[in-house]
Amino acid sequence: MVIRIALVLALTGAAASSEPVFQRDQVDIGQDKKLSHVTINNPYGSVTIQGTKNKQVSIQSDKIAPTSGVLGKLRVAANLVGKGLEIHSVIKGGPEAISAADGSTSVNLRISVPVDTKVSVTTWNGSVTVRDVEAGASVVVNRGNVHLERVLGEVRSRANNGNSTIKDVFGNVSSKTLIGDLELERISGNQVDGFVHRGDIVGHRVVTTRGSFVVHTGNVRIEASAAAGGDIVARSQSGNVTVKVIKRSAIHALAKGKTSLLPQTMETKTRKDGSRLGRSIGEGKPATIAAYAPKGSASIVMSLAVVPLTPLSP
């Protein structure tokens, strides 16, 4: 069953024909069978996704255009394909029919999905927010911010020009940002990887077996814990690196930079040839923590934080 509701308004009154026109559409798509995934492609604005306990998918689209004629060319289509739902915004007559480059024309989507649905989102000129889903999320943004919060399952994100925030995730994480900062908070996954070309990586309470945090131009500040036998590598080609270690196993720490700092409470280890290898603490198979900053400072310090005993979940 599909229910449609539409509202059309001139933003500053009907008399001002040169002012933009706004239209809000609401579409509810009832489902007899479970959806495995929802795919959204919106080149013309932002996307916000909220996981709910409802079985239906609800799509709210806010369209803004300079005239009612241009507004009439904007469409949001939803198609059931196999066990998935595909949602995409289109322009009647093709993108060349209107110009959206100046920001006068946009389509912003707010979508609620069943909580156990995997979501994939792509935008060209708009931010993406995903909250409260339990089957993972994949996000690609050309220009805009990424915000992922309370996600169970694998998370993959890419932002070409914008900041990325990933919080409260229980699952593997892979995030790439070309220009912008990456913030990770309360992450628990076997593999957690973050890459930023120009910007900073900041992390709090990252619990993993293997983690890689790499910045080309910028700083890395990460608070993390690795399982026994695991490893965490933090690297900046032209900035500073600080790793705060949450201890949950034996640790072997390595730091290499123009200036380097390792915890004094650790025992210094040396190679057979007498050169310093790093410092270690604890018994058993260690987790390796490495900080590299060839043009800055590389520091490893101990954190007072405690690793949560139960997994994070939405």
C-alpha atoms as a PDB file:
ATOM      1  CA  MET A   1       0.000   0.000   0.000  1.00  0.00           C
ATOM      2  CA  VAL A   2       1.274   3.459  -0.922  1.00  0.00           C
ATOM      3  CA  ILE A   3      -0.057   6.645   0.703  1.00  0.00           C
ATOM      4  CA  ARG A   4       0.918  10.011  -0.805  1.00  0.00           C
ATOM      5  CA  ILE A   5       0.544  13.441   0.817  1.00  0.00           C
ATOM      6  CA  ALA A   6       1.699  16.641  -0.900  1.00  0.00           C
ATOM      7  CA  LEU A   7       2.073  20.236   0.299  1.00  0.00           C
ATOM      8  CA  VAL A   8       3.104  23.088  -1.984  1.00  0.00           C
ATOM      9  CA  LEU A   9       4.022  26.564  -0.712  1.00  0.00           C
ATOM     10  CA  ALA A  10       5.548  29.719  -2.121  1.00  0.00           C
ATOM     11  CA  LEU A  11       8.147  30.518   0.530  1.00  0.00           C
ATOM     12  CA  THR A  12       7.363  34.237   0.685  1.00  0.00           C
ATOM     13  CA  GLY A  13       3.861  34.415  -0.763  1.00  0.00           C
ATOM     14  CA  ALA A  14       2.225  33.867  -4.112  1.00  0.00           C
ATOM     15  CA  ALA A  15       2.794  37.440  -5.234  1.00  0.00           C
ATOM     16  CA  ALA A  16       6.552  37.092  -5.184  1.00  0.00           C
ATOM     17  CA  SER A  17       6.952  34.883  -8.228  1.00  0.00           C
ATOM     18  CA  SER A  18      10.742  35.316  -8.206  1.00  0.00           C
ATOM     19  CA  GLU A  19      11.009  33.674  -4.788  1.00  0.00           C
ATOM     20  CA  PRO A  20      11.618  29.902  -4.437  1.00  0.00           C
ATOM     21  CA  VAL A  21       8.772  27.416  -4.206  1.00  0.00           C
ATOM     22  CA  PHE A  22       8.663  24.607  -1.649  1.00  0.00           C
ATOM     23  CA  GLN A  23       6.894  21.246  -1.893  1.00  0.00           C
ATOM     24  CA  ARG A  24       6.791  18.452   0.692  1.00  0.00           C
ATOM     25  CA  ASP A  25       5.712  14.958  -0.337  1.00  0.00           C
ATOM     26  CA  GLN A  26       5.079  12.044   2.007  1.00  0.00           C
ATOM     27  CA  VAL A  27       5.022   8.461   0.731  1.00  0.00           C
ATOM     28  CA  ASP A  28       4.484   5.382   2.926  1.00  0.00           C
ATOM     29  CA  ILE A  29       5.300   2.021   1.390  1.00  0.00           C
ATOM     30  CA  GLY A  30       3.759  -0.952   3.204  1.00  0.00           C
ATOM     31  CA  GLN A  31       5.514  -4.302   2.923  1.00  0.00           C
ATOM     32  CA  ASP A  32       4.092  -7.817   3.127  1.00  0.00           C
ATOM     33  CA  LYS A  33       7.587  -9.305   2.982  1.00  0.00           C
ATOM     34  CA  LYS A  34      10.782  -8.260   4.711  1.00  0.00           C
ATOM     35  CA  LEU A  35      13.156  -5.906   2.890  1.00  0.00           C
ATOM     36  CA  SER A  36      16.825  -6.872   3.045  1.00  0.00           C
ATOM     37  CA  HIS A  37      18.193  -3.517   1.877  1.00  0.00           C
ATOM     38  CA  VAL A  38      17.300   0.016   0.835  1.00  0.00           C
ATOM     39  CA  THR A  39      19.445   1.896  -1.698  1.00  0.00           C
ATOM     40  CA  ILE A  40      19.181   5.693  -2.013  1.00  0.00           C
ATOM     41  CA  ASN A  41      20.745   7.891  -4.693  1.00  0.00           C
ATOM     42  CA  ASN A  42      20.074  11.617  -4.307  1.00  0.00           C
ATOM     43  CA  PRO A  43      22.301  13.909  -6.407  1.00  0.00           C
ATOM     44  CA  TYR A  44      20.345  17.050  -5.466  1.00  0.00           C
ATOM     45  CA  GLY A  45      20.411  17.298  -1.662  1.00  0.00           C
ATOM     46  CA  SER A  46      20.745  15.611   1.711  1.00  0.00           C
ATOM     47  CA  VAL A  47      19.523  12.256   3.029  1.00  0.00           C
ATOM     48  CA  THR A  48      18.540  11.424   6.618  1.00  0.00           C
ATOM     49  CA  ILE A  49      17.740   7.817   7.519  1.00  0.00           C
ATOM     50  CA  GLN A  50      16.166   6.676  10.785  1.00  0.00           C
ATOM     51  CA  GLY A  51      15.730   3.041  11.743  1.00  0.00           C
ATOM     52  CA  THR A  52      12.378   2.229  13.381  1.00  0.00           C
ATOM     53  CA  LYS A  53      10.414  -0.797  14.575  1.00  0.00           C
ATOM     54  CA  ASN A  54       7.808  -0.239  11.853  1.00  0.00           C
ATOM     55  CA  LYS A  55       7.668  -2.641   8.902  1.00  0.00           C
ATOM     56  CA  GLN A  56       6.972   0.071   6.343  1.00  0.00           C
ATOM     57  CA  VAL A  57       9.300   2.523   4.669  1.00  0.00           C
ATOM     58  CA  SER A  58       8.344   6.184   4.961  1.00  0.00           C
ATOM     59  CA  ILE A  59       9.794   8.745   2.503  1.00  0.00           C
ATOM     60  CA  GLN A  60       9.484  12.480   3.081  1.00  0.00           C
ATOM     61  CA  SER A  61      10.875  14.656   0.294  1.00  0.00           C
ATOM     62  CA  ASP A  62      11.359  18.418   0.603  1.00  0.00           C
ATOM     63  CA  LYS A  63      11.790  20.039  -2.814  1.00  0.00           C
ATOM     64  CA  ILE A  64      12.846  23.646  -3.396  1.00  0.00           C
ATOM     65  CA  ALA A  65      12.927  25.271  -6.829  1.00  0.00           C
ATOM     66  CA  PRO A  66      13.049  28.838  -8.191  1.00  0.00           C
ATOM     67  CA  THR A  67       9.662  28.444  -9.949  1.00  0.00           C
ATOM     68  CA  SER A  68       6.693  26.103  -9.938  1.00  0.00           C
ATOM     69  CA  GLY A  69       7.655  25.056 -13.471  1.00  0.00           C
ATOM     70  CA  VAL A  70      11.064  23.853 -12.305  1.00  0.00           C
ATOM     71  CA  LEU A  71       9.494  22.284  -9.213  1.00  0.00           C
ATOM     72  CA  GLY A  72       7.283  20.188 -11.470  1.00  0.00           C
ATOM     73  CA  LYS A  73      10.347  18.621 -13.069  1.00  0.00           C
ATOM     74  CA  LEU A  74      11.632  17.175  -9.772  1.00  0.00           C
ATOM     75  CA  ARG A  75      10.711  13.566  -9.010  1.00  0.00           C
ATOM     76  CA  VAL A  76      11.454  11.057  -6.279  1.00  0.00           C
ATOM     77  CA  ALA A  77      11.028   7.468  -7.464  1.00  0.00           C
ATOM     78  CA  ALA A  78      10.818   4.325  -5.315  1.00  0.00           C
ATOM     79  CA  ASN A  79      10.998   0.878  -6.933  1.00  0.00           C
ATOM     80  CA  LEU A  80      10.894  -2.583  -5.397  1.00  0.00           C
ATOM     81  CA  VAL A  81      13.670  -4.720  -6.883  1.00  0.00           C
ATOM     82  CA  GLY A  82      13.808  -8.268  -5.559  1.00  0.00           C
ATOM     83  CA  LYS A  83      14.156  -8.059  -1.775  1.00  0.00           C
ATOM     84  CA  GLY A  84      15.311  -4.440  -1.913  1.00  0.00           C
ATOM     85  CA  LEU A  85      13.893  -0.959  -2.381  1.00  0.00           C
ATOM     86  CA  GLU A  86      15.608   1.598  -4.635  1.00  0.00           C
ATOM     87  CA  ILE A  87      14.923   5.300  -4.033  1.00  0.00           C
ATOM     88  CA  HIS A  88      16.328   8.012  -6.269  1.00  0.00           C
ATOM     89  CA  SER A  89      15.669  11.634  -7.135  1.00  0.00           C
ATOM     90  CA  VAL A  90      15.464  12.536 -10.822  1.00  0.00           C
ATOM     91  CA  ILE A  91      14.766  15.536 -13.038  1.00  0.00           C
ATOM     92  CA  LYS A  92      12.117  15.155 -15.728  1.00  0.00           C
ATOM     93  CA  GLY A  93      13.821  15.774 -19.042  1.00  0.00           C
ATOM     94  CA  GLY A  94      17.274  14.972 -17.629  1.00  0.00           C
ATOM     95  CA  PRO A  95      19.657  17.039 -15.452  1.00  0.00           C
ATOM     96  CA  GLU A  96      20.234  19.449 -18.337  1.00  0.00           C
ATOM     97  CA  ALA A  97      16.548  20.522 -18.105  1.00  0.00           C
ATOM     98  CA  ILE A  98      17.343  22.755 -15.105  1.00  0.00           C
ATOM     99  CA  SER A  99      20.411  24.089 -13.340  1.00  0.00           C
ATOM    100  CA  ALA A 100      20.912  22.985  -9.731  1.00  0.00           C
ATOM    101  CA  ALA A 101      24.515  24.176  -9.470  1.00  0.00           C
ATOM    102  CA  ASP A 102      23.644  27.458  -7.729  1.00  0.00           C
ATOM    103  CA  GLY A 103      21.722  25.697  -4.945  1.00  0.00           C
ATOM    104  CA  SER A 104      18.340  27.186  -5.964  1.00  0.00           C
ATOM    105  CA  THR A 105      17.018  23.690  -6.711  1.00  0.00           C
ATOM    106  CA  SER A 106      17.270  20.885  -4.174  1.00  0.00           C
ATOM    107  CA  VAL A 107      15.650  17.657  -2.993  1.00  0.00           C
ATOM    108  CA  ASN A 108      16.189  16.698   0.665  1.00  0.00           C
ATOM    109  CA  LEU A 109      15.026  13.268   1.813  1.00  0.00           C
ATOM    110  CA  ARG A 110      14.036  11.995   5.261  1.00  0.00           C
ATOM    111  CA  ILE A 111      13.490   8.236   5.219  1.00  0.00           C
ATOM    112  CA  SER A 112      12.492   5.817   7.967  1.00  0.00           C
ATOM    113  CA  VAL A 113      13.283   2.130   7.433  1.00  0.00           C
ATOM    114  CA  PRO A 114      12.807  -1.070   9.440  1.00  0.00           C
ATOM    115  CA  VAL A 115      15.651  -1.271  11.925  1.00  0.00           C
ATOM    116  CA  ASP A 116      16.972  -4.565  10.479  1.00  0.00           C
ATOM    117  CA  THR A 117      17.416  -3.153   6.950  1.00  0.00           C
ATOM    118  CA  LYS A 118      20.823  -2.570   5.369  1.00  0.00           C
ATOM    119  CA  VAL A 119      21.106   0.910   3.878  1.00  0.00           C
ATOM    120  CA  SER A 120      23.292   2.287   1.080  1.00  0.00           C
ATOM    121  CA  VAL A 121      23.297   6.017   0.341  1.00  0.00           C
ATOM    122  CA  THR A 122      24.973   8.143  -2.344  1.00  0.00           C
ATOM    123  CA  THR A 123      24.721  11.931  -2.616  1.00  0.00           C
ATOM    124  CA  TRP A 124      26.479  14.451  -4.817  1.00  0.00           C
ATOM    125  CA  ASN A 125      25.735  17.738  -3.045  1.00  0.00           C
ATOM    126  CA  GLY A 126      24.283  17.037   0.382  1.00  0.00           C
ATOM    127  CA  SER A 127      25.034  15.520   3.783  1.00  0.00           C
ATOM    128  CA  VAL A 128      24.021  12.030   4.930  1.00  0.00           C
ATOM    129  CA  THR A 129      22.837  10.995   8.394  1.00  0.00           C
ATOM    130  CA  VAL A 130      22.066   7.389   9.370  1.00  0.00           C
ATOM    131  CA  ARG A 131      20.843   6.386  12.840  1.00  0.00           C
ATOM    132  CA  ASP A 132      19.594   3.219  14.540  1.00  0.00           C
ATOM    133  CA  VAL A 133      20.026   0.483  11.934  1.00  0.00           C
ATOM    134  CA  GLU A 134      21.137  -3.073  12.665  1.00  0.00           C
ATOM    135  CA  ALA A 135      22.276  -4.468   9.307  1.00  0.00           C
ATOM    136  CA  GLY A 136      25.133  -2.129   8.443  1.00  0.00           C
ATOM    137  CA  ALA A 137      25.422   1.005   6.323  1.00  0.00           C
ATOM    138  CA  SER A 138      27.366   2.215   3.289  1.00  0.00           C
ATOM    139  CA  VAL A 139      27.621   5.935   2.488  1.00  0.00           C
ATOM    140  CA  VAL A 140      29.288   7.902  -0.319  1.00  0.00           C
ATOM    141  CA  VAL A 141      29.161  11.726  -0.272  1.00  0.00           C
ATOM    142  CA  ASN A 142      30.801  14.026  -2.787  1.00  0.00           C
ATOM    143  CA  ARG A 143      30.186  17.344  -1.008  1.00  0.00           C
ATOM    144  CA  GLY A 144      28.709  17.294   2.475  1.00  0.00           C
ATOM    145  CA  ASN A 145      29.108  15.694   5.890  1.00  0.00           C
ATOM    146  CA  VAL A 146      28.658  12.086   6.984  1.00  0.00           C
ATOM    147  CA  HIS A 147      27.063  11.220  10.329  1.00  0.00           C
ATOM    148  CA  LEU A 148      26.568   7.564  11.318  1.00  0.00           C
ATOM    149  CA  GLU A 149      25.295   6.770  14.798  1.00  0.00           C
ATOM    150  CA  ARG A 150      24.064   3.658  16.616  1.00  0.00           C
ATOM    151  CA  VAL A 151      24.763   1.188  13.829  1.00  0.00           C
ATOM    152  CA  LEU A 152      25.063  -2.573  14.236  1.00  0.00           C
ATOM    153  CA  GLY A 153      26.982  -4.273  11.417  1.00  0.00           C
ATOM    154  CA  GLU A 154      29.643  -3.244   8.928  1.00  0.00           C
ATOM    155  CA  VAL A 155      30.028   0.470   8.205  1.00  0.00           C
ATOM    156  CA  ARG A 156      31.717   1.853   5.096  1.00  0.00           C
ATOM    157  CA  SER A 157      31.881   5.572   4.303  1.00  0.00           C
ATOM    158  CA  ARG A 158      33.568   7.928   1.882  1.00  0.00           C
ATOM    159  CA  ALA A 159      33.447  11.733   1.934  1.00  0.00           C
ATOM    160  CA  ASN A 160      35.240  13.716  -0.751  1.00  0.00           C
ATOM    161  CA  ASN A 161      34.719  17.146   0.795  1.00  0.00           C
ATOM    162  CA  GLY A 162      33.203  17.187   4.271  1.00  0.00           C
ATOM    163  CA  ASN A 163      33.577  15.935   7.824  1.00  0.00           C
ATOM    164  CA  SER A 164      32.717  12.392   8.914  1.00  0.00           C
ATOM    165  CA  THR A 165      31.413  11.390  12.354  1.00  0.00           C
ATOM    166  CA  ILE A 166      30.931   7.717  13.261  1.00  0.00           C
ATOM    167  CA  LYS A 167      29.600   6.945  16.743  1.00  0.00           C
ATOM    168  CA  ASP A 168      28.319   3.951  18.684  1.00  0.00           C
ATOM    169  CA  VAL A 169      29.039   1.268  16.095  1.00  0.00           C
ATOM    170  CA  PHE A 170      29.353  -2.450  16.802  1.00  0.00           C
ATOM    171  CA  GLY A 171      30.933  -3.859  13.645  1.00  0.00           C
ATOM    172  CA  ASN A 172      33.843  -3.356  11.282  1.00  0.00           C
ATOM    173  CA  VAL A 173      34.452   0.204  10.087  1.00  0.00           C
ATOM    174  CA  SER A 174      36.183   1.547   6.981  1.00  0.00           C
ATOM    175  CA  SER A 175      36.065   5.319   6.467  1.00  0.00           C
ATOM    176  CA  LYS A 176      37.856   7.505   3.910  1.00  0.00           C
ATOM    177  CA  THR A 177      37.842  11.305   3.766  1.00  0.00           C
ATOM    178  CA  LEU A 178      39.698  13.369   1.193  1.00  0.00           C
ATOM    179  CA  ILE A 179      39.196  16.877   2.646  1.00  0.00           C
ATOM    180  CA  GLY A 180      37.710  17.028   6.140  1.00  0.00           C
ATOM    181  CA  ASP A 181      38.012  15.573   9.621  1.00  0.00           C
ATOM    182  CA  LEU A 182      37.114  12.067  10.772  1.00  0.00           C
ATOM    183  CA  GLU A 183      35.743  11.516  14.285  1.00  0.00           C
ATOM    184  CA  LEU A 184      35.311   8.016  15.725  1.00  0.00           C
ATOM    185  CA  GLU A 185      33.629   7.456  19.074  1.00  0.00           C
ATOM    186  CA  ARG A 186      32.707   4.248  20.891  1.00  0.00           C
ATOM    187  CA  ILE A 187      33.540   1.822  18.108  1.00  0.00           C
ATOM    188  CA  SER A 188      33.820  -1.946  18.621  1.00  0.00           C
ATOM    189  CA  GLY A 189      34.854  -4.058  15.620  1.00  0.00           C
ATOM    190  CA  ASN A 190      37.445  -6.604  14.546  1.00  0.00           C
ATOM    191  CA  GLN A 191      38.776  -4.204  11.877  1.00  0.00           C
ATOM    192  CA  VAL A 192      38.616  -0.412  12.140  1.00  0.00           C
ATOM    193  CA  ASP A 193      40.301   1.652   9.405  1.00  0.00           C
ATOM    194  CA  GLY A 194      40.320   5.405   8.897  1.00  0.00           C
ATOM    195  CA  PHE A 195      42.071   7.446   6.201  1.00  0.00           C
ATOM    196  CA  VAL A 196      42.129  11.236   5.738  1.00  0.00           C
ATOM    197  CA  HIS A 197      44.049  12.996   3.006  1.00  0.00           C
ATOM    198  CA  ARG A 198      43.774  16.516   4.461  1.00  0.00           C
ATOM    199  CA  GLY A 199      42.321  16.878   7.928  1.00  0.00           C
ATOM    200  CA  ASP A 200      42.498  15.224  11.355  1.00  0.00           C
ATOM    201  CA  ILE A 201      41.484  11.857  12.764  1.00  0.00           C
ATOM    202  CA  VAL A 202      40.159  11.970  16.339  1.00  0.00           C
ATOM    203  CA  GLY A 203      39.024   8.793  18.100  1.00  0.00           C
ATOM    204  CA  HIS A 204      37.622   7.910  21.537  1.00  0.00           C
ATOM    205  CA  ARG A 205      36.993   4.417  22.918  1.00  0.00           C
ATOM    206  CA  VAL A 206      37.906   2.504  19.764  1.00  0.00           C
ATOM    207  CA  VAL A 207      38.065  -1.219  20.585  1.00  0.00           C
ATOM    208  CA  THR A 208      39.394  -3.475  17.845  1.00  0.00           C
ATOM    209  CA  THR A 209      41.655  -6.348  16.907  1.00  0.00           C
ATOM    210  CA  ARG A 210      43.298  -4.513  14.031  1.00  0.00           C
ATOM    211  CA  GLY A 211      43.149  -0.786  13.440  1.00  0.00           C
ATOM    212  CA  SER A 212      44.756   1.557  10.930  1.00  0.00           C
ATOM    213  CA  PHE A 213      44.491   5.351  11.204  1.00  0.00           C
ATOM    214  CA  VAL A 214      46.370   7.226   8.490  1.00  0.00           C
ATOM    215  CA  VAL A 215      46.519  10.956   7.704  1.00  0.00           C
ATOM    216  CA  HIS A 216      48.493  12.537   4.888  1.00  0.00           C
ATOM    217  CA  THR A 217      48.252  16.193   6.007  1.00  0.00           C
ATOM    218  CA  GLY A 218      46.968  16.627   9.556  1.00  0.00           C
ATOM    219  CA  ASN A 219      47.093  15.034  12.996  1.00  0.00           C
ATOM    220  CA  VAL A 220      45.989  11.745  14.543  1.00  0.00           C
ATOM    221  CA  ARG A 221      44.658  11.609  18.116  1.00  0.00           C
ATOM    222  CA  ILE A 222      43.220   8.211  18.920  1.00  0.00           C
ATOM    223  CA  GLU A 223      42.199   6.454  22.151  1.00  0.00           C
ATOM    224  CA  ALA A 224      42.082   2.757  21.384  1.00  0.00           C
ATOM    225  CA  SER A 225      42.489  -0.801  22.591  1.00  0.00           C
ATOM    226  CA  ALA A 226      43.690  -3.829  20.631  1.00  0.00           C
ATOM    227  CA  ALA A 227      43.114  -7.488  21.476  1.00  0.00           C
ATOM    228  CA  ALA A 228      46.017  -9.796  22.299  1.00  0.00           C
ATOM    229  CA  GLY A 229      47.956 -10.485  19.118  1.00  0.00           C
ATOM    230  CA  GLY A 230      46.269  -7.585  17.359  1.00  0.00           C
ATOM    231  CA  ASP A 231      47.758  -4.313  16.207  1.00  0.00           C
ATOM    232  CA  ILE A 232      46.940  -0.626  15.920  1.00  0.00           C
ATOM    233  CA  VAL A 233      48.918   1.614  13.588  1.00  0.00           C
ATOM    234  CA  ALA A 234      48.527   5.401  13.617  1.00  0.00           C
ATOM    235  CA  ARG A 235      50.466   7.435  11.061  1.00  0.00           C
ATOM    236  CA  SER A 236      50.697  11.023   9.832  1.00  0.00           C
ATOM    237  CA  GLN A 237      52.956  11.978   6.965  1.00  0.00           C
ATOM    238  CA  SER A 238      53.194  15.649   7.984  1.00  0.00           C
ATOM    239  CA  GLY A 239      51.582  16.068  11.413  1.00  0.00           C
ATOM    240  CA  ASN A 240      51.598  14.757  14.960  1.00  0.00           C
ATOM    241  CA  VAL A 241      50.354  11.403  16.257  1.00  0.00           C
ATOM    242  CA  THR A 242      49.115  10.610  19.766  1.00  0.00           C
ATOM    243  CA  VAL A 243      47.772   7.184  20.750  1.00  0.00           C
ATOM    244  CA  LYS A 244      46.147   6.748  24.160  1.00  0.00           C
ATOM    245  CA  VAL A 245      46.199   3.027  24.887  1.00  0.00           C
ATOM    246  CA  ILE A 246      43.324   1.377  26.733  1.00  0.00           C
ATOM    247  CA  LYS A 247      45.024  -1.673  28.241  1.00  0.00           C
ATOM    248  CA  ARG A 248      43.253  -5.041  27.986  1.00  0.00           C
ATOM    249  CA  SER A 249      46.241  -7.305  27.213  1.00  0.00           C
ATOM    250  CA  ALA A 250      50.009  -7.215  27.123  1.00  0.00           C
ATOM    251  CA  ILE A 251      51.195  -4.293  24.995  1.00  0.00           C
ATOM    252  CA  HIS A 252      54.230  -3.673  22.846  1.00  0.00           C
ATOM    253  CA  ALA A 253      54.555   0.003  21.919  1.00  0.00           C
ATOM    254  CA  LEU A 254      56.535   1.552  19.060  1.00  0.00           C
ATOM    255  CA  ALA A 255      56.887   5.279  18.381  1.00  0.00           C
ATOM    256  CA  LYS A 256      58.929   6.923  15.639  1.00  0.00           C
ATOM    257  CA  GLY A 257      58.956  10.632  14.812  1.00  0.00           C
ATOM    258  CA  LYS A 258      61.069  13.774  14.922  1.00  0.00           C
ATOM    259  CA  THR A 259      60.292  13.500  18.646  1.00  0.00           C
ATOM    260  CA  SER A 260      59.009  10.290  20.231  1.00  0.00           C
ATOM    261  CA  LEU A 261      57.371   9.498  23.581  1.00  0.00           C
ATOM    262  CA  LEU A 262      56.618   6.105  25.127  1.00  0.00           C
ATOM    263  CA  PRO A 263      55.159   5.371  28.602  1.00  0.00           C
ATOM    264  CA  GLN A 264      57.885   5.269  31.256  1.00  0.00           C
ATOM    265  CA  THR A 265      56.025   2.462  33.050  1.00  0.00           C
ATOM    266  CA  MET A 266      56.832   0.114  30.181  1.00  0.00           C
ATOM    267  CA  GLU A 267      59.928  -2.057  30.023  1.00  0.00           C
ATOM    268  CA  THR A 268      62.384  -1.104  27.265  1.00  0.00           C
ATOM    269  CA  LYS A 269      62.991  -3.874  24.722  1.00  0.00           C
ATOM    270  CA  THR A 270      66.017  -4.126  22.434  1.00  0.00           C
ATOM    271  CA  ARG A 271      66.884  -6.116  19.327  1.00  0.00           C
ATOM    272  CA  LYS A 272      69.702  -8.658  19.347  1.00  0.00           C
ATOM    273  CA  ASP A 273      71.958  -6.068  17.693  1.00  0.00           C
ATOM    274  CA  GLY A 274      71.416  -3.751  20.648  1.00  0.00           C
ATOM    275  CA  SER A 275      69.152  -1.192  18.902  1.00  0.00           C
ATOM    276  CA  ARG A 276      66.025  -0.092  20.738  1.00  0.00           C
ATOM    277  CA  LEU A 277      62.854  -1.809  19.555  1.00  0.00           C
ATOM    278  CA  GLY A 278      60.218  -0.246  21.806  1.00  0.00           C
ATOM    279  CA  ARG A 279      58.651  -0.768  25.211  1.00  0.00           C
ATOM    280  CA  SER A 280      56.370  -3.461  26.556  1.00  0.00           C
ATOM    281  CA  ILE A 281      54.088  -4.110  29.502  1.00  0.00           C
ATOM    282  CA  GLY A 282      52.194  -7.199  30.659  1.00  0.00           C
ATOM    283  CA  GLU A 283      52.552 -10.943  30.130  1.00  0.00           C
ATOM    284  CA  GLY A 284      51.434 -13.127  27.244  1.00  0.00           C
ATOM    285  CA  LYS A 285      50.979 -12.390  23.568  1.00  0.00           C
ATOM    286  CA  PRO A 286      51.049  -8.611  23.202  1.00  0.00           C
ATOM    287  CA  ALA A 287      49.002  -6.235  21.118  1.00  0.00           C
ATOM    288  CA  THR A 288      51.282  -4.015  19.037  1.00  0.00           C
ATOM    289  CA  ILE A 289      50.620  -0.273  19.180  1.00  0.00           C
ATOM    290  CA  ALA A 290      52.610   1.850  16.702  1.00  0.00           C
ATOM    291  CA  ALA A 291      52.748   5.618  16.154  1.00  0.00           C
ATOM    292  CA  TYR A 292      54.640   7.106  13.192  1.00  0.00           C
ATOM    293  CA  ALA A 293      55.119  10.815  12.476  1.00  0.00           C
ATOM    294  CA  PRO A 294      58.260  11.415  10.369  1.00  0.00           C
ATOM    295  CA  LYS A 295      57.771  15.220  10.374  1.00  0.00           C
ATOM    296  CA  GLY A 296      56.182  15.653  13.810  1.00  0.00           C
ATOM    297  CA  SER A 297      55.855  14.106  17.251  1.00  0.00           C
ATOM    298  CA  ALA A 298      54.856  10.471  17.805  1.00  0.00           C
ATOM    299  CA  SER A 299      53.495   9.709  21.292  1.00  0.00           C
ATOM    300  CA  ILE A 300      51.992   6.697  23.014  1.00  0.00           C
ATOM    301  CA  VAL A 301      50.453   7.202  26.462  1.00  0.00           C
ATOM    302  CA  MET A 302      48.313   5.052  28.736  1.00  0.00           C
ATOM    303  CA  SER A 303      44.593   5.815  29.079  1.00  0.00           C
ATOM    304  CA  LEU A 304      42.611   5.396  32.292  1.00  0.00           C
ATOM    305  CA  ALA A 305      39.519   4.324  30.341  1.00  0.00           C
ATOM    306  CA  VAL A 306      38.072   0.844  30.819  1.00  0.00           C
ATOM    307  CA  VAL A 307      37.038  -1.374  27.902  1.00  0.00           C
ATOM    308  CA  PRO A 308      33.247  -2.059  27.999  1.00  0.00           C
ATOM    309  CA  LEU A 309      32.414  -5.651  28.874  1.00  0.00           C
ATOM    310  CA  THR A 310      29.280  -5.748  26.698  1.00  0.00           C
ATOM    311  CA  PRO A 311      29.121  -4.957  22.984  1.00  0.00           C
ATOM    312  CA  LEU A 312      27.804  -1.615  21.831  1.00  0.00           C
ATOM    313  CA  SER A 313      24.419  -1.803  20.144  1.00  0.00           C
ATOM    314  CA  PRO A 314      21.900   0.713  18.806  1.00  0.00           C
END
